[in-house]
Amino acid sequence: VKLAEQENLRKQKQVKVLEEKISMARVKFNEAGAYNKELRQRIDNLRRERVVFDGVYRRLEKELDEKKAEMAQIVEVSNAAYDARAKAKEQMEALKVQAEQEQMSFEEEWGELGKLIEHDSKMKEYVKQRNRAAASGQDLGDEEERLRKRIMHTNPSITKD
């Protein structure tokens, strides 16, 4: 009887130990389940954040591409403006050279016209004196020769008539 009691006590102790082990295993299992649940929530949050960040990343990439295209267009416009400026500068230089040439030509022509006007006025004076002399009957041969020499001296390009 005692032996059966001892055996019974031993089995009860063993059952109690096993129940405690089961209880501890359940606690650990519940803790692991709670930890897993927490990890799943974190994973879900991270997935949601990733979706948001992916959307932001795609939007930023699109904006970057647009800015690159806009910048390329601005560079193209800038290059065209620079080329147009260079061409206008070349044209301006060509016009300056042409204007200088025309100015020189004008001054040369102006000088020649001045000489012709001077010669013409001297010739008119000569003709007037000759007409007066012819009207008065005087001989102006010496004076005529002197006037002719003076005209020839001031304008050597005029040949004798």
Protein backbone atom coordinates (compact mmCIF):
# COMPACT_ATOMS: atom_id res chain seq x y z
CA VAL A 1 0.00 0.00 0.00
CA LYS A 2 2.75 2.28 0.88
CA LEU A 3 4.45 1.43 -2.27
CA ALA A 4 1.35 2.21 -4.24
CA GLU A 5 1.05 5.48 -2.40
CA GLN A 6 4.60 6.35 -3.13
CA GLU A 7 4.11 5.39 -6.73
CA ASN A 8 0.96 7.49 -6.82
CA LEU A 9 2.79 10.46 -5.27
CA ARG A 10 5.64 10.07 -7.70
CA LYS A 11 3.21 9.99 -10.61
CA GLN A 12 1.37 13.02 -9.27
CA LYS A 13 4.69 14.87 -9.00
CA GLN A 14 5.56 13.79 -12.49
CA VAL A 15 2.15 14.96 -13.74
CA LYS A 16 2.62 18.26 -11.93
CA VAL A 17 6.11 18.71 -13.44
CA LEU A 18 4.76 17.88 -16.89
CA GLU A 19 1.82 20.27 -16.41
CA GLU A 20 4.28 23.01 -15.45
CA LYS A 21 6.35 22.21 -18.52
CA ILE A 22 3.20 22.37 -20.65
CA SER A 23 2.24 25.64 -18.99
CA MET A 24 5.71 27.07 -19.63
CA ALA A 25 5.66 25.77 -23.18
CA ARG A 26 2.26 27.45 -23.67
CA VAL A 27 3.64 30.72 -22.27
CA LYS A 28 6.61 30.49 -24.60
CA PHE A 29 4.29 29.55 -27.48
CA ASN A 30 2.01 32.52 -26.73
CA GLU A 31 5.02 34.81 -26.42
CA ALA A 32 6.35 33.54 -29.76
CA GLY A 33 2.89 34.00 -31.31
CA ALA A 34 2.69 37.56 -29.96
CA TYR A 35 6.23 38.27 -31.21
CA ASN A 36 5.33 36.79 -34.63
CA LYS A 37 2.19 38.93 -34.74
CA GLU A 38 4.25 42.00 -33.92
CA LEU A 39 6.77 41.06 -36.64
CA ARG A 40 3.95 40.56 -39.16
CA GLN A 41 2.58 44.00 -38.33
CA ARG A 42 6.03 45.52 -38.76
CA ILE A 43 6.42 43.67 -42.06
CA ASP A 44 3.01 44.93 -43.23
CA ASN A 45 3.92 48.49 -42.20
CA LEU A 46 7.24 48.21 -44.01
CA ARG A 47 5.45 46.90 -47.11
CA ARG A 48 3.02 49.84 -47.01
CA GLU A 49 5.93 52.26 -46.55
CA ARG A 50 7.72 50.60 -49.45
CA VAL A 51 4.67 51.09 -51.68
CA VAL A 52 4.58 54.76 -50.66
CA PHE A 53 8.33 55.19 -51.18
CA ASP A 54 8.14 53.42 -54.55
CA GLY A 55 5.42 55.87 -55.60
CA VAL A 56 7.49 58.82 -54.41
CA TYR A 57 10.56 57.39 -56.17
CA ARG A 58 8.68 56.97 -59.46
CA ARG A 59 7.30 60.51 -59.17
CA LEU A 60 10.78 61.90 -58.47
CA GLU A 61 12.25 59.94 -61.39
CA LYS A 62 9.53 61.32 -63.66
CA GLU A 63 10.22 64.88 -62.44
CA LEU A 64 13.94 64.32 -62.94
CA ASP A 65 13.36 63.13 -66.51
CA GLU A 66 11.15 66.16 -67.16
CA LYS A 67 13.78 68.50 -65.72
CA LYS A 68 16.47 66.85 -67.84
CA ALA A 69 14.34 67.29 -70.95
CA GLU A 70 13.60 70.90 -70.01
CA MET A 71 17.28 71.53 -69.37
CA ALA A 72 18.21 70.00 -72.73
CA GLN A 73 15.66 72.25 -74.44
CA ILE A 74 17.02 75.30 -72.61
CA VAL A 75 20.57 74.37 -73.65
CA GLU A 76 19.38 73.99 -77.24
CA VAL A 77 17.64 77.38 -77.16
CA SER A 78 20.72 78.91 -75.53
CA ASN A 79 22.98 77.47 -78.23
CA ALA A 80 20.66 78.78 -80.95
CA ALA A 81 20.66 82.22 -79.33
CA TYR A 82 24.45 82.14 -79.08
CA ASP A 83 24.72 81.18 -82.75
CA ALA A 84 22.28 83.94 -83.72
CA ARG A 85 24.29 86.42 -81.64
CA ALA A 86 27.52 85.34 -83.33
CA LYS A 87 25.90 85.63 -86.76
CA ALA A 88 24.51 89.08 -85.93
CA LYS A 89 27.94 90.15 -84.69
CA GLU A 90 29.51 88.97 -87.96
CA GLN A 91 26.86 90.84 -89.96
CA MET A 92 27.44 93.95 -87.86
CA GLU A 93 31.19 93.77 -88.51
CA ALA A 94 30.54 93.32 -92.25
CA LEU A 95 28.19 96.33 -92.20
CA LYS A 96 30.82 98.40 -90.35
CA VAL A 97 33.43 97.51 -92.97
CA GLN A 98 30.98 98.33 -95.75
CA ALA A 99 30.07 101.64 -94.09
CA GLU A 100 33.74 102.54 -93.73
CA GLN A 101 34.33 101.74 -97.40
CA GLU A 102 31.29 103.78 -98.42
CA GLN A 103 32.48 106.65 -96.19
CA MET A 104 35.92 106.59 -97.82
CA SER A 105 34.36 106.43 -101.27
CA PHE A 106 32.03 109.31 -100.40
CA GLU A 107 34.88 111.45 -99.08
CA GLU A 108 36.92 110.73 -102.20
CA GLU A 109 33.97 111.61 -104.42
CA TRP A 110 33.25 114.68 -102.30
CA GLY A 111 36.81 115.86 -102.77
CA GLU A 112 36.63 115.32 -106.52
CA LEU A 113 33.30 117.13 -106.71
CA GLY A 114 34.76 120.02 -104.70
CA LYS A 115 37.64 120.24 -107.14
CA LEU A 116 35.23 120.14 -110.07
CA ILE A 117 33.08 122.86 -108.51
CA GLU A 118 36.17 124.97 -107.89
CA HIS A 119 37.33 124.39 -111.45
CA ASP A 120 33.87 125.20 -112.75
CA SER A 121 33.72 128.46 -110.81
CA LYS A 122 37.20 129.42 -112.05
CA MET A 123 36.16 128.60 -115.59
CA LYS A 124 33.05 130.73 -115.22
CA GLU A 125 35.20 133.55 -113.89
CA TYR A 126 37.54 133.11 -116.80
CA VAL A 127 34.64 133.13 -119.27
CA LYS A 128 33.23 136.29 -117.64
CA GLN A 129 36.58 138.05 -117.88
CA ARG A 130 36.98 137.00 -121.45
CA ASN A 131 33.50 138.21 -122.30
CA ARG A 132 34.17 141.53 -120.59
CA ALA A 133 37.46 141.83 -122.41
CA ALA A 134 35.84 140.97 -125.71
CA ALA A 135 33.11 143.50 -125.00
CA SER A 136 35.64 146.17 -124.07
CA GLY A 137 38.05 145.12 -126.81
CA GLN A 138 41.05 144.62 -124.56
CA ASP A 139 43.66 141.98 -125.00
CA LEU A 140 43.78 139.72 -122.03
CA GLY A 141 46.20 137.16 -123.44
CA ASP A 142 48.69 137.43 -120.57
CA GLU A 143 46.02 137.40 -117.91
CA GLU A 144 44.30 134.50 -119.60
CA GLU A 145 47.50 132.50 -119.63
CA ARG A 146 48.19 133.30 -115.96
CA LEU A 147 44.64 132.22 -114.98
CA ARG A 148 44.94 129.05 -117.01
CA LYS A 149 48.25 128.16 -115.30
CA ARG A 150 46.73 128.78 -111.89
CA ILE A 151 43.81 126.46 -112.73
CA MET A 152 46.15 123.79 -114.03
CA HIS A 153 48.33 124.12 -110.97
CA THR A 154 45.43 123.67 -108.51
CA ASN A 155 43.87 120.79 -110.47
CA PRO A 156 46.45 118.87 -112.50
CA SER A 157 43.93 116.19 -113.52
CA ILE A 158 42.28 118.71 -115.86
CA THR A 159 43.82 118.69 -119.30
CA LYS A 160 44.28 121.75 -121.45
CA ASP A 161 41.40 122.64 -123.66
